Amino acid sequence: MSETRATTPVFPPGRYGRRRDGRRRRPLPLIVAAAVFALGALGVAWAYYQKFGQTDYNPEIIGWNEPTDAEMVIRFRVRVPEGGTASCVLRARDYLGYEVGTRTVAVPAAPGGGEVVVTESVPTTQRGSVGDVMTCRPAG
């Protein structure tokens, strides 16, 4: 009976690159680097949210009434900081999308700041179909 022993192969030096030594590497540096990267990404995301997330003077249309031939009443919401006043441009358009009326209104802040719900009338030259809040910005 012959016996075959399992041996590790012997490779010529330098021919196949560097061989691993079989020890397991510790993943601690990789984990630390990933944690530092994640904290940095969260910091950047928080900074951008503070700068651009809760924008003041950002209008949101709520709706409008059944328009007449002479006016359209538009209801909208705008966030105004405490002590500030927003200047908002309202627009009424007809069924084909043509502008039939526009008006600029001043919206004072609510006590303590925050969102303000406003209902304003826009005079029109003919029957409107759609009401828009074009823009809101700081008054002045």
C-alpha atoms as a PDB file:
ATOM      1  CA  MET A   1       0.000   0.000   0.000  1.00  0.00           C
ATOM      2  CA  SER A   2       1.342   3.398  -0.947  1.00  0.00           C
ATOM      3  CA  GLU A   3       0.712   6.505   1.019  1.00  0.00           C
ATOM      4  CA  THR A   4       0.337   9.943  -0.567  1.00  0.00           C
ATOM      5  CA  ARG A   5       0.994  12.913   1.629  1.00  0.00           C
ATOM      6  CA  ALA A   6      -0.697  16.243   0.996  1.00  0.00           C
ATOM      7  CA  THR A   7       1.900  18.956   0.708  1.00  0.00           C
ATOM      8  CA  THR A   8       1.668  22.582  -0.140  1.00  0.00           C
ATOM      9  CA  PRO A   9       2.752  23.405  -3.653  1.00  0.00           C
ATOM     10  CA  VAL A  10       6.077  25.116  -4.165  1.00  0.00           C
ATOM     11  CA  PHE A  11       6.009  27.991  -6.659  1.00  0.00           C
ATOM     12  CA  PRO A  12       9.056  29.518  -8.260  1.00  0.00           C
ATOM     13  CA  PRO A  13       9.949  32.802  -6.480  1.00  0.00           C
ATOM     14  CA  GLY A  14       8.692  35.998  -8.130  1.00  0.00           C
ATOM     15  CA  ARG A  15       6.689  34.210 -10.787  1.00  0.00           C
ATOM     16  CA  TYR A  16       3.156  34.492  -9.395  1.00  0.00           C
ATOM     17  CA  GLY A  17       3.337  37.669  -7.345  1.00  0.00           C
ATOM     18  CA  ARG A  18       3.180  37.964  -3.586  1.00  0.00           C
ATOM     19  CA  ARG A  19       1.513  35.095  -1.777  1.00  0.00           C
ATOM     20  CA  ARG A  20      -0.714  35.580   1.216  1.00  0.00           C
ATOM     21  CA  ASP A  21       0.566  34.269   4.464  1.00  0.00           C
ATOM     22  CA  GLY A  22      -2.787  32.768   5.540  1.00  0.00           C
ATOM     23  CA  ARG A  23      -3.304  35.019   8.541  1.00  0.00           C
ATOM     24  CA  ARG A  24      -6.601  36.858   8.705  1.00  0.00           C
ATOM     25  CA  ARG A  25      -6.327  40.624   8.523  1.00  0.00           C
ATOM     26  CA  ARG A  26      -8.043  42.712  11.114  1.00  0.00           C
ATOM     27  CA  PRO A  27     -10.806  44.918   9.627  1.00  0.00           C
ATOM     28  CA  LEU A  28     -10.480  47.633  12.314  1.00  0.00           C
ATOM     29  CA  PRO A  29      -8.870  50.299  10.065  1.00  0.00           C
ATOM     30  CA  LEU A  30     -11.561  49.722   7.445  1.00  0.00           C
ATOM     31  CA  ILE A  31     -14.330  50.026  10.040  1.00  0.00           C
ATOM     32  CA  VAL A  32     -12.816  53.211  11.471  1.00  0.00           C
ATOM     33  CA  ALA A  33     -12.479  54.733   7.983  1.00  0.00           C
ATOM     34  CA  ALA A  34     -16.093  53.860   7.141  1.00  0.00           C
ATOM     35  CA  ALA A  35     -17.324  55.394  10.416  1.00  0.00           C
ATOM     36  CA  VAL A  36     -15.341  58.606   9.830  1.00  0.00           C
ATOM     37  CA  PHE A  37     -16.703  58.817   6.266  1.00  0.00           C
ATOM     38  CA  ALA A  38     -20.288  58.252   7.463  1.00  0.00           C
ATOM     39  CA  LEU A  39     -19.966  60.961  10.137  1.00  0.00           C
ATOM     40  CA  GLY A  40     -18.536  63.366   7.575  1.00  0.00           C
ATOM     41  CA  ALA A  41     -21.374  62.616   5.126  1.00  0.00           C
ATOM     42  CA  LEU A  42     -23.967  63.159   7.874  1.00  0.00           C
ATOM     43  CA  GLY A  43     -22.321  66.465   8.787  1.00  0.00           C
ATOM     44  CA  VAL A  44     -22.426  67.670   5.180  1.00  0.00           C
ATOM     45  CA  ALA A  45     -26.054  66.537   4.802  1.00  0.00           C
ATOM     46  CA  TRP A  46     -27.040  68.381   8.008  1.00  0.00           C
ATOM     47  CA  ALA A  47     -25.263  71.561   6.879  1.00  0.00           C
ATOM     48  CA  TYR A  48     -27.055  71.511   3.505  1.00  0.00           C
ATOM     49  CA  TYR A  49     -30.389  70.831   5.193  1.00  0.00           C
ATOM     50  CA  GLN A  50     -29.891  73.818   7.490  1.00  0.00           C
ATOM     51  CA  LYS A  51     -28.961  76.003   4.527  1.00  0.00           C
ATOM     52  CA  PHE A  52     -31.513  74.833   1.938  1.00  0.00           C
ATOM     53  CA  GLY A  53     -34.042  72.519   3.666  1.00  0.00           C
ATOM     54  CA  GLN A  54     -36.461  74.770   5.509  1.00  0.00           C
ATOM     55  CA  THR A  55     -36.569  77.678   3.131  1.00  0.00           C
ATOM     56  CA  ASP A  56     -38.454  80.793   4.131  1.00  0.00           C
ATOM     57  CA  TYR A  57     -40.732  82.517   1.635  1.00  0.00           C
ATOM     58  CA  ASN A  58     -41.489  79.227  -0.155  1.00  0.00           C
ATOM     59  CA  PRO A  59     -45.150  79.432  -1.280  1.00  0.00           C
ATOM     60  CA  GLU A  60     -47.513  76.500  -1.605  1.00  0.00           C
ATOM     61  CA  ILE A  61     -50.816  76.907  -3.436  1.00  0.00           C
ATOM     62  CA  ILE A  62     -53.840  75.598  -1.534  1.00  0.00           C
ATOM     63  CA  GLY A  63     -56.505  76.443  -4.111  1.00  0.00           C
ATOM     64  CA  TRP A  64     -58.725  79.104  -5.612  1.00  0.00           C
ATOM     65  CA  ASN A  65     -62.431  79.858  -5.753  1.00  0.00           C
ATOM     66  CA  GLU A  66     -64.799  79.610  -8.701  1.00  0.00           C
ATOM     67  CA  PRO A  67     -63.569  82.663 -10.647  1.00  0.00           C
ATOM     68  CA  THR A  68     -65.745  85.416 -12.045  1.00  0.00           C
ATOM     69  CA  ASP A  69     -65.107  87.514 -15.144  1.00  0.00           C
ATOM     70  CA  ALA A  70     -63.465  90.212 -12.991  1.00  0.00           C
ATOM     71  CA  GLU A  71     -61.545  88.396 -10.228  1.00  0.00           C
ATOM     72  CA  MET A  72     -60.065  85.174  -8.885  1.00  0.00           C
ATOM     73  CA  VAL A  73     -59.512  84.550  -5.175  1.00  0.00           C
ATOM     74  CA  ILE A  74     -56.331  82.549  -4.509  1.00  0.00           C
ATOM     75  CA  ARG A  75     -55.567  80.754  -1.238  1.00  0.00           C
ATOM     76  CA  PHE A  76     -51.934  79.894  -0.478  1.00  0.00           C
ATOM     77  CA  ARG A  77     -49.517  79.122   2.342  1.00  0.00           C
ATOM     78  CA  VAL A  78     -46.101  80.723   2.815  1.00  0.00           C
ATOM     79  CA  ARG A  79     -43.451  80.340   5.528  1.00  0.00           C
ATOM     80  CA  VAL A  80     -42.382  83.757   6.846  1.00  0.00           C
ATOM     81  CA  PRO A  81     -39.696  84.135   9.543  1.00  0.00           C
ATOM     82  CA  GLU A  82     -40.558  85.984  12.747  1.00  0.00           C
ATOM     83  CA  GLY A  83     -40.478  89.736  12.279  1.00  0.00           C
ATOM     84  CA  GLY A  84     -40.364  89.447   8.476  1.00  0.00           C
ATOM     85  CA  THR A  85     -42.770  90.249   5.686  1.00  0.00           C
ATOM     86  CA  ALA A  86     -43.101  88.389   2.398  1.00  0.00           C
ATOM     87  CA  SER A  87     -43.868  90.028  -0.928  1.00  0.00           C
ATOM     88  CA  CYS A  88     -45.736  87.504  -3.086  1.00  0.00           C
ATOM     89  CA  VAL A  89     -46.690  87.795  -6.765  1.00  0.00           C
ATOM     90  CA  LEU A  90     -50.041  86.155  -7.590  1.00  0.00           C
ATOM     91  CA  ARG A  91     -51.176  85.331 -11.112  1.00  0.00           C
ATOM     92  CA  ALA A  92     -54.450  84.240 -12.693  1.00  0.00           C
ATOM     93  CA  ARG A  93     -54.435  82.373 -16.021  1.00  0.00           C
ATOM     94  CA  ASP A  94     -57.229  81.454 -18.400  1.00  0.00           C
ATOM     95  CA  TYR A  95     -58.052  77.986 -19.721  1.00  0.00           C
ATOM     96  CA  LEU A  96     -55.414  78.274 -22.473  1.00  0.00           C
ATOM     97  CA  GLY A  97     -52.716  79.346 -20.009  1.00  0.00           C
ATOM     98  CA  TYR A  98     -52.611  83.044 -20.872  1.00  0.00           C
ATOM     99  CA  GLU A  99     -52.126  85.465 -18.004  1.00  0.00           C
ATOM    100  CA  VAL A 100     -55.329  87.410 -17.327  1.00  0.00           C
ATOM    101  CA  GLY A 101     -54.395  89.066 -14.035  1.00  0.00           C
ATOM    102  CA  THR A 102     -51.526  89.637 -11.617  1.00  0.00           C
ATOM    103  CA  ARG A 103     -51.129  91.213  -8.201  1.00  0.00           C
ATOM    104  CA  THR A 104     -48.359  91.651  -5.633  1.00  0.00           C
ATOM    105  CA  VAL A 105     -49.354  91.258  -1.980  1.00  0.00           C
ATOM    106  CA  ALA A 106     -47.496  91.761   1.313  1.00  0.00           C
ATOM    107  CA  VAL A 107     -47.779  88.913   3.827  1.00  0.00           C
ATOM    108  CA  PRO A 108     -46.722  89.718   7.418  1.00  0.00           C
ATOM    109  CA  ALA A 109     -45.326  86.981   9.645  1.00  0.00           C
ATOM    110  CA  ALA A 110     -47.506  85.197  12.151  1.00  0.00           C
ATOM    111  CA  PRO A 111     -46.637  85.732  15.823  1.00  0.00           C
ATOM    112  CA  GLY A 112     -43.537  83.615  16.409  1.00  0.00           C
ATOM    113  CA  GLY A 113     -42.943  83.134  12.678  1.00  0.00           C
ATOM    114  CA  GLY A 114     -43.833  80.036  10.678  1.00  0.00           C
ATOM    115  CA  GLU A 115     -46.481  79.330   8.070  1.00  0.00           C
ATOM    116  CA  VAL A 116     -49.178  81.829   7.190  1.00  0.00           C
ATOM    117  CA  VAL A 117     -52.314  80.933   5.212  1.00  0.00           C
ATOM    118  CA  VAL A 118     -53.435  83.821   3.003  1.00  0.00           C
ATOM    119  CA  THR A 119     -56.535  84.385   0.853  1.00  0.00           C
ATOM    120  CA  GLU A 120     -56.184  87.218  -1.678  1.00  0.00           C
ATOM    121  CA  SER A 121     -58.174  88.482  -4.655  1.00  0.00           C
ATOM    122  CA  VAL A 122     -56.546  88.975  -8.064  1.00  0.00           C
ATOM    123  CA  PRO A 123     -58.356  91.303 -10.510  1.00  0.00           C
ATOM    124  CA  THR A 124     -58.665  89.762 -13.996  1.00  0.00           C
ATOM    125  CA  THR A 125     -59.431  91.032 -17.499  1.00  0.00           C
ATOM    126  CA  GLN A 126     -61.530  87.940 -18.284  1.00  0.00           C
ATOM    127  CA  ARG A 127     -62.570  84.713 -16.573  1.00  0.00           C
ATOM    128  CA  GLY A 128     -59.568  82.914 -15.089  1.00  0.00           C
ATOM    129  CA  SER A 129     -59.101  79.197 -14.797  1.00  0.00           C
ATOM    130  CA  VAL A 130     -55.940  78.650 -12.746  1.00  0.00           C
ATOM    131  CA  GLY A 131     -54.392  80.599  -9.863  1.00  0.00           C
ATOM    132  CA  ASP A 132     -50.636  80.660  -9.261  1.00  0.00           C
ATOM    133  CA  VAL A 133     -48.219  82.056  -6.716  1.00  0.00           C
ATOM    134  CA  MET A 134     -45.315  83.061  -8.926  1.00  0.00           C
ATOM    135  CA  THR A 135     -42.821  83.907  -6.179  1.00  0.00           C
ATOM    136  CA  CYS A 136     -42.478  85.047  -2.599  1.00  0.00           C
ATOM    137  CA  ARG A 137     -39.438  86.886  -1.314  1.00  0.00           C
ATOM    138  CA  PRO A 138     -38.545  89.237   1.521  1.00  0.00           C
ATOM    139  CA  ALA A 139     -40.415  92.525   1.219  1.00  0.00           C
ATOM    140  CA  GLY A 140     -38.395  95.649   0.740  1.00  0.00           C
END
